[in-house]
């Protein structure tokens, strides 16, 4: 394997930095999603069961970016923290 020249080193450094910033953006999105899932769980805690609209309101999700509430709720259901119930209701899993 030949040693890298300065141009190769610069290109390698640029690609590494780009990959690192993309990973950081993904890490940030995951951290935000985890935080919003926790907000949904916290909002359900005093009630046990809420309608979708009431959960959105109680969690303060009316001010979130539009798809974030849906993604957080789907993640919480898939992760077993929240149960999807009939007629558009959601319950806290204990």
N, C-alpha and C. Protein backbone atom coordinates (compact mmCIF):
# COMPACT_ATOMS: atom_id res chain seq x y z
N UNK A 1 0.85 -1.17 0.00
CA UNK A 1 0.00 0.00 0.00
C UNK A 1 0.89 1.24 0.00
N UNK A 2 0.62 2.15 -0.89
CA UNK A 2 1.46 3.35 -1.01
C UNK A 2 1.09 4.36 0.05
N UNK A 3 2.07 5.15 0.50
CA UNK A 3 1.76 6.20 1.48
C UNK A 3 0.87 7.27 0.85
N UNK A 4 0.05 7.93 1.68
CA UNK A 4 -0.86 8.97 1.17
C UNK A 4 -0.09 10.26 0.91
N UNK A 5 -0.41 10.90 -0.20
CA UNK A 5 0.15 12.21 -0.47
C UNK A 5 -0.72 13.26 0.24
N UNK A 6 -0.30 14.49 0.21
CA UNK A 6 -1.04 15.55 0.91
C UNK A 6 -2.48 15.67 0.43
N UNK A 7 -2.69 15.53 -0.89
CA UNK A 7 -4.04 15.63 -1.43
C UNK A 7 -4.92 14.49 -0.90
N UNK A 8 -4.33 13.27 -0.85
CA UNK A 8 -5.07 12.13 -0.31
C UNK A 8 -5.41 12.34 1.16
N UNK A 9 -4.44 12.85 1.91
CA UNK A 9 -4.66 13.11 3.33
C UNK A 9 -5.77 14.14 3.53
N UNK A 10 -5.76 15.19 2.72
CA UNK A 10 -6.78 16.23 2.83
C UNK A 10 -8.16 15.67 2.49
N UNK A 11 -8.22 14.87 1.44
CA UNK A 11 -9.49 14.27 1.04
C UNK A 11 -10.00 13.33 2.13
N UNK A 12 -9.08 12.54 2.68
CA UNK A 12 -9.45 11.62 3.76
C UNK A 12 -9.97 12.40 4.98
N UNK A 13 -9.29 13.46 5.34
CA UNK A 13 -9.71 14.28 6.48
C UNK A 13 -11.08 14.90 6.24
N UNK A 14 -11.31 15.37 5.01
CA UNK A 14 -12.60 15.97 4.67
C UNK A 14 -13.73 14.94 4.76
N UNK A 15 -13.50 13.74 4.24
CA UNK A 15 -14.51 12.69 4.30
C UNK A 15 -14.80 12.27 5.73
N UNK A 16 -13.75 12.17 6.54
CA UNK A 16 -13.92 11.80 7.94
C UNK A 16 -14.73 12.85 8.67
N UNK A 17 -14.44 14.13 8.44
CA UNK A 17 -15.17 15.22 9.08
C UNK A 17 -16.63 15.22 8.65
N UNK A 18 -16.89 14.99 7.36
CA UNK A 18 -18.25 14.96 6.85
C UNK A 18 -19.03 13.80 7.48
N UNK A 19 -18.39 12.63 7.55
CA UNK A 19 -19.04 11.47 8.16
C UNK A 19 -19.33 11.74 9.64
N UNK A 20 -18.39 12.36 10.32
CA UNK A 20 -18.56 12.67 11.74
C UNK A 20 -19.72 13.63 11.95
N UNK A 21 -19.85 14.65 11.10
CA UNK A 21 -20.95 15.61 11.26
C UNK A 21 -22.29 14.96 10.94
N UNK A 22 -22.33 14.04 9.97
CA UNK A 22 -23.57 13.32 9.68
C UNK A 22 -23.95 12.43 10.85
N UNK A 23 -22.97 11.77 11.44
CA UNK A 23 -23.24 10.93 12.60
C UNK A 23 -23.74 11.78 13.76
N UNK A 24 -23.15 12.96 13.95
CA UNK A 24 -23.59 13.85 15.02
C UNK A 24 -25.03 14.30 14.79
N UNK A 25 -25.39 14.59 13.55
CA UNK A 25 -26.77 14.99 13.24
C UNK A 25 -27.72 13.84 13.55
N UNK A 26 -27.34 12.62 13.20
CA UNK A 26 -28.17 11.46 13.50
C UNK A 26 -28.29 11.24 15.00
N UNK A 27 -27.19 11.42 15.72
CA UNK A 27 -27.21 11.29 17.17
C UNK A 27 -28.14 12.33 17.78
N UNK A 28 -28.08 13.54 17.26
CA UNK A 28 -28.94 14.62 17.77
C UNK A 28 -30.42 14.29 17.54
N UNK A 29 -30.74 13.82 16.33
CA UNK A 29 -32.13 13.46 16.03
C UNK A 29 -32.63 12.35 16.95
N UNK A 30 -31.78 11.36 17.21
CA UNK A 30 -32.16 10.27 18.11
C UNK A 30 -32.35 10.78 19.54
N UNK A 31 -31.50 11.70 19.97
CA UNK A 31 -31.63 12.26 21.32
C UNK A 31 -32.93 13.06 21.44
N UNK A 32 -33.27 13.82 20.42
CA UNK A 32 -34.53 14.57 20.42
C UNK A 32 -35.71 13.61 20.46
N UNK A 33 -35.66 12.57 19.66
CA UNK A 33 -36.75 11.60 19.62
C UNK A 33 -36.91 10.91 20.98
N UNK A 34 -35.80 10.52 21.61
CA UNK A 34 -35.88 9.89 22.94
C UNK A 34 -36.49 10.85 23.96
N UNK A 35 -36.11 12.11 23.89
CA UNK A 35 -36.66 13.11 24.82
C UNK A 35 -38.16 13.28 24.61
N UNK A 36 -38.61 13.29 23.38
CA UNK A 36 -40.03 13.48 23.10
C UNK A 36 -40.84 12.23 23.50
N UNK A 37 -40.26 11.05 23.32
CA UNK A 37 -40.91 9.83 23.80
C UNK A 37 -41.11 9.94 25.31
N UNK A 38 -40.09 10.40 26.01
CA UNK A 38 -40.20 10.55 27.46
C UNK A 38 -41.26 11.58 27.84
N UNK A 39 -41.38 12.64 27.06
CA UNK A 39 -42.43 13.64 27.33
C UNK A 39 -43.82 13.02 27.17
N UNK A 40 -43.98 12.14 26.19
CA UNK A 40 -45.27 11.47 26.02
C UNK A 40 -45.57 10.57 27.21
N UNK A 41 -44.58 9.82 27.65
CA UNK A 41 -44.76 8.93 28.81
C UNK A 41 -45.09 9.76 30.05
N UNK A 42 -44.39 10.85 30.25
CA UNK A 42 -44.64 11.73 31.40
C UNK A 42 -46.04 12.34 31.33
N UNK A 43 -46.47 12.72 30.14
CA UNK A 43 -47.81 13.30 29.98
C UNK A 43 -48.90 12.28 30.29
N UNK A 44 -48.66 11.02 29.98
CA UNK A 44 -49.64 9.97 30.25
C UNK A 44 -49.69 9.56 31.72
N UNK A 45 -48.59 9.74 32.42
CA UNK A 45 -48.46 9.22 33.78
C UNK A 45 -49.61 9.58 34.72
N UNK A 46 -50.05 10.82 34.79
CA UNK A 46 -51.13 11.13 35.75
C UNK A 46 -52.49 10.55 35.35
N UNK A 47 -52.66 10.23 34.08
CA UNK A 47 -53.96 9.81 33.57
C UNK A 47 -54.06 8.31 33.30
N UNK A 48 -52.98 7.74 32.84
CA UNK A 48 -52.99 6.32 32.48
C UNK A 48 -53.44 6.09 31.05
N UNK A 49 -54.52 6.75 30.63
CA UNK A 49 -55.07 6.61 29.27
C UNK A 49 -55.51 7.99 28.80
N UNK A 50 -55.15 8.31 27.56
CA UNK A 50 -55.59 9.56 26.93
C UNK A 50 -55.89 9.31 25.45
N UNK A 51 -56.77 10.14 24.91
CA UNK A 51 -56.96 10.11 23.45
C UNK A 51 -55.71 10.68 22.79
N UNK A 52 -55.58 10.43 21.52
CA UNK A 52 -54.43 10.95 20.77
C UNK A 52 -54.35 12.47 20.88
N UNK A 53 -55.46 13.15 20.69
CA UNK A 53 -55.48 14.62 20.76
C UNK A 53 -55.13 15.12 22.15
N UNK A 54 -55.67 14.47 23.18
CA UNK A 54 -55.38 14.87 24.55
C UNK A 54 -53.90 14.64 24.87
N UNK A 55 -53.35 13.54 24.40
CA UNK A 55 -51.94 13.25 24.62
C UNK A 55 -51.08 14.31 23.96
N UNK A 56 -51.42 14.67 22.74
CA UNK A 56 -50.68 15.72 22.02
C UNK A 56 -50.72 17.02 22.82
N UNK A 57 -51.89 17.37 23.32
CA UNK A 57 -52.05 18.60 24.09
C UNK A 57 -51.28 18.55 25.42
N UNK A 58 -51.45 17.46 26.16
CA UNK A 58 -50.80 17.32 27.48
C UNK A 58 -49.28 17.29 27.38
N UNK A 59 -48.76 16.74 26.30
CA UNK A 59 -47.30 16.66 26.12
C UNK A 59 -46.72 17.96 25.58
N UNK A 60 -47.59 18.90 25.21
CA UNK A 60 -47.11 20.15 24.63
C UNK A 60 -46.70 19.99 23.19
N UNK A 61 -47.15 18.91 22.56
CA UNK A 61 -46.72 18.59 21.19
C UNK A 61 -47.39 19.46 20.14
N UNK A 62 -48.32 20.30 20.53
CA UNK A 62 -48.93 21.21 19.56
C UNK A 62 -47.87 22.16 18.99
N UNK A 63 -46.76 22.31 19.71
CA UNK A 63 -45.71 23.24 19.29
C UNK A 63 -44.50 22.52 18.68
N UNK A 64 -44.58 21.18 18.57
CA UNK A 64 -43.48 20.42 17.98
C UNK A 64 -43.59 20.49 16.46
N UNK A 65 -42.49 20.21 15.78
CA UNK A 65 -42.56 20.08 14.33
C UNK A 65 -43.52 18.94 14.01
N UNK A 66 -44.31 19.10 12.98
CA UNK A 66 -45.44 18.21 12.68
C UNK A 66 -45.13 16.71 12.76
N UNK A 67 -44.13 16.20 12.07
CA UNK A 67 -43.99 14.74 12.11
C UNK A 67 -43.40 14.20 13.42
N UNK A 68 -42.88 15.07 14.28
CA UNK A 68 -42.20 14.59 15.47
C UNK A 68 -43.15 13.89 16.44
N UNK A 69 -44.35 14.41 16.63
CA UNK A 69 -45.31 13.76 17.52
C UNK A 69 -45.61 12.35 17.03
N UNK A 70 -45.90 12.22 15.74
CA UNK A 70 -46.21 10.91 15.18
C UNK A 70 -45.03 9.94 15.32
N UNK A 71 -43.83 10.42 15.03
CA UNK A 71 -42.64 9.56 15.16
C UNK A 71 -42.40 9.16 16.61
N UNK A 72 -42.56 10.11 17.53
CA UNK A 72 -42.34 9.80 18.95
C UNK A 72 -43.38 8.81 19.44
N UNK A 73 -44.63 8.99 19.05
CA UNK A 73 -45.69 8.08 19.47
C UNK A 73 -45.46 6.68 18.89
N UNK A 74 -45.12 6.61 17.61
CA UNK A 74 -44.82 5.31 16.99
C UNK A 74 -43.65 4.63 17.69
N UNK A 75 -42.64 5.40 18.02
CA UNK A 75 -41.46 4.85 18.70
C UNK A 75 -41.82 4.34 20.09
N UNK A 76 -42.64 5.11 20.81
CA UNK A 76 -43.05 4.70 22.16
C UNK A 76 -43.90 3.43 22.12
N UNK A 77 -44.77 3.32 21.12
CA UNK A 77 -45.60 2.11 20.98
C UNK A 77 -44.71 0.92 20.61
N UNK A 78 -43.83 1.12 19.64
CA UNK A 78 -42.94 0.04 19.20
C UNK A 78 -41.99 -0.39 20.32
N UNK A 79 -41.59 0.56 21.16
CA UNK A 79 -40.68 0.27 22.25
C UNK A 79 -41.35 -0.28 23.50
N UNK A 80 -42.68 -0.32 23.48
CA UNK A 80 -43.40 -0.90 24.60
C UNK A 80 -43.66 0.04 25.77
N UNK A 81 -43.34 1.32 25.64
CA UNK A 81 -43.62 2.26 26.72
C UNK A 81 -45.09 2.67 26.75
N UNK A 82 -45.70 2.74 25.58
CA UNK A 82 -47.09 3.17 25.44
C UNK A 82 -47.83 2.11 24.63
N UNK A 83 -49.07 1.83 25.05
CA UNK A 83 -49.90 0.86 24.34
C UNK A 83 -50.93 1.60 23.49
N UNK A 84 -51.08 1.16 22.25
CA UNK A 84 -52.13 1.70 21.39
C UNK A 84 -53.42 0.93 21.71
N UNK A 85 -54.44 1.67 22.08
CA UNK A 85 -55.72 1.09 22.48
C UNK A 85 -56.76 1.36 21.41
N UNK A 86 -57.91 0.71 21.48
CA UNK A 86 -58.97 0.96 20.49
C UNK A 86 -59.48 2.41 20.54
N UNK A 87 -60.08 2.81 19.45
CA UNK A 87 -60.77 4.10 19.31
C UNK A 87 -59.85 5.31 19.47
N UNK A 88 -58.58 5.17 19.13
CA UNK A 88 -57.66 6.30 19.14
C UNK A 88 -57.15 6.68 20.52
N UNK A 89 -57.17 5.75 21.46
CA UNK A 89 -56.64 6.02 22.79
C UNK A 89 -55.29 5.35 22.96
N UNK A 90 -54.53 5.90 23.90
CA UNK A 90 -53.19 5.39 24.20
C UNK A 90 -53.05 5.27 25.71
N UNK A 91 -52.40 4.20 26.14
CA UNK A 91 -52.24 3.97 27.57
C UNK A 91 -50.80 3.73 27.94
N UNK A 92 -50.49 4.02 29.16
CA UNK A 92 -49.17 3.80 29.69
C UNK A 92 -48.99 2.34 30.03
N UNK A 93 -47.90 1.76 29.58
CA UNK A 93 -47.61 0.35 29.93
C UNK A 93 -46.88 0.36 31.25
N UNK A 94 -47.27 -0.51 32.11
CA UNK A 94 -46.66 -0.57 33.44
C UNK A 94 -45.81 -1.79 33.56
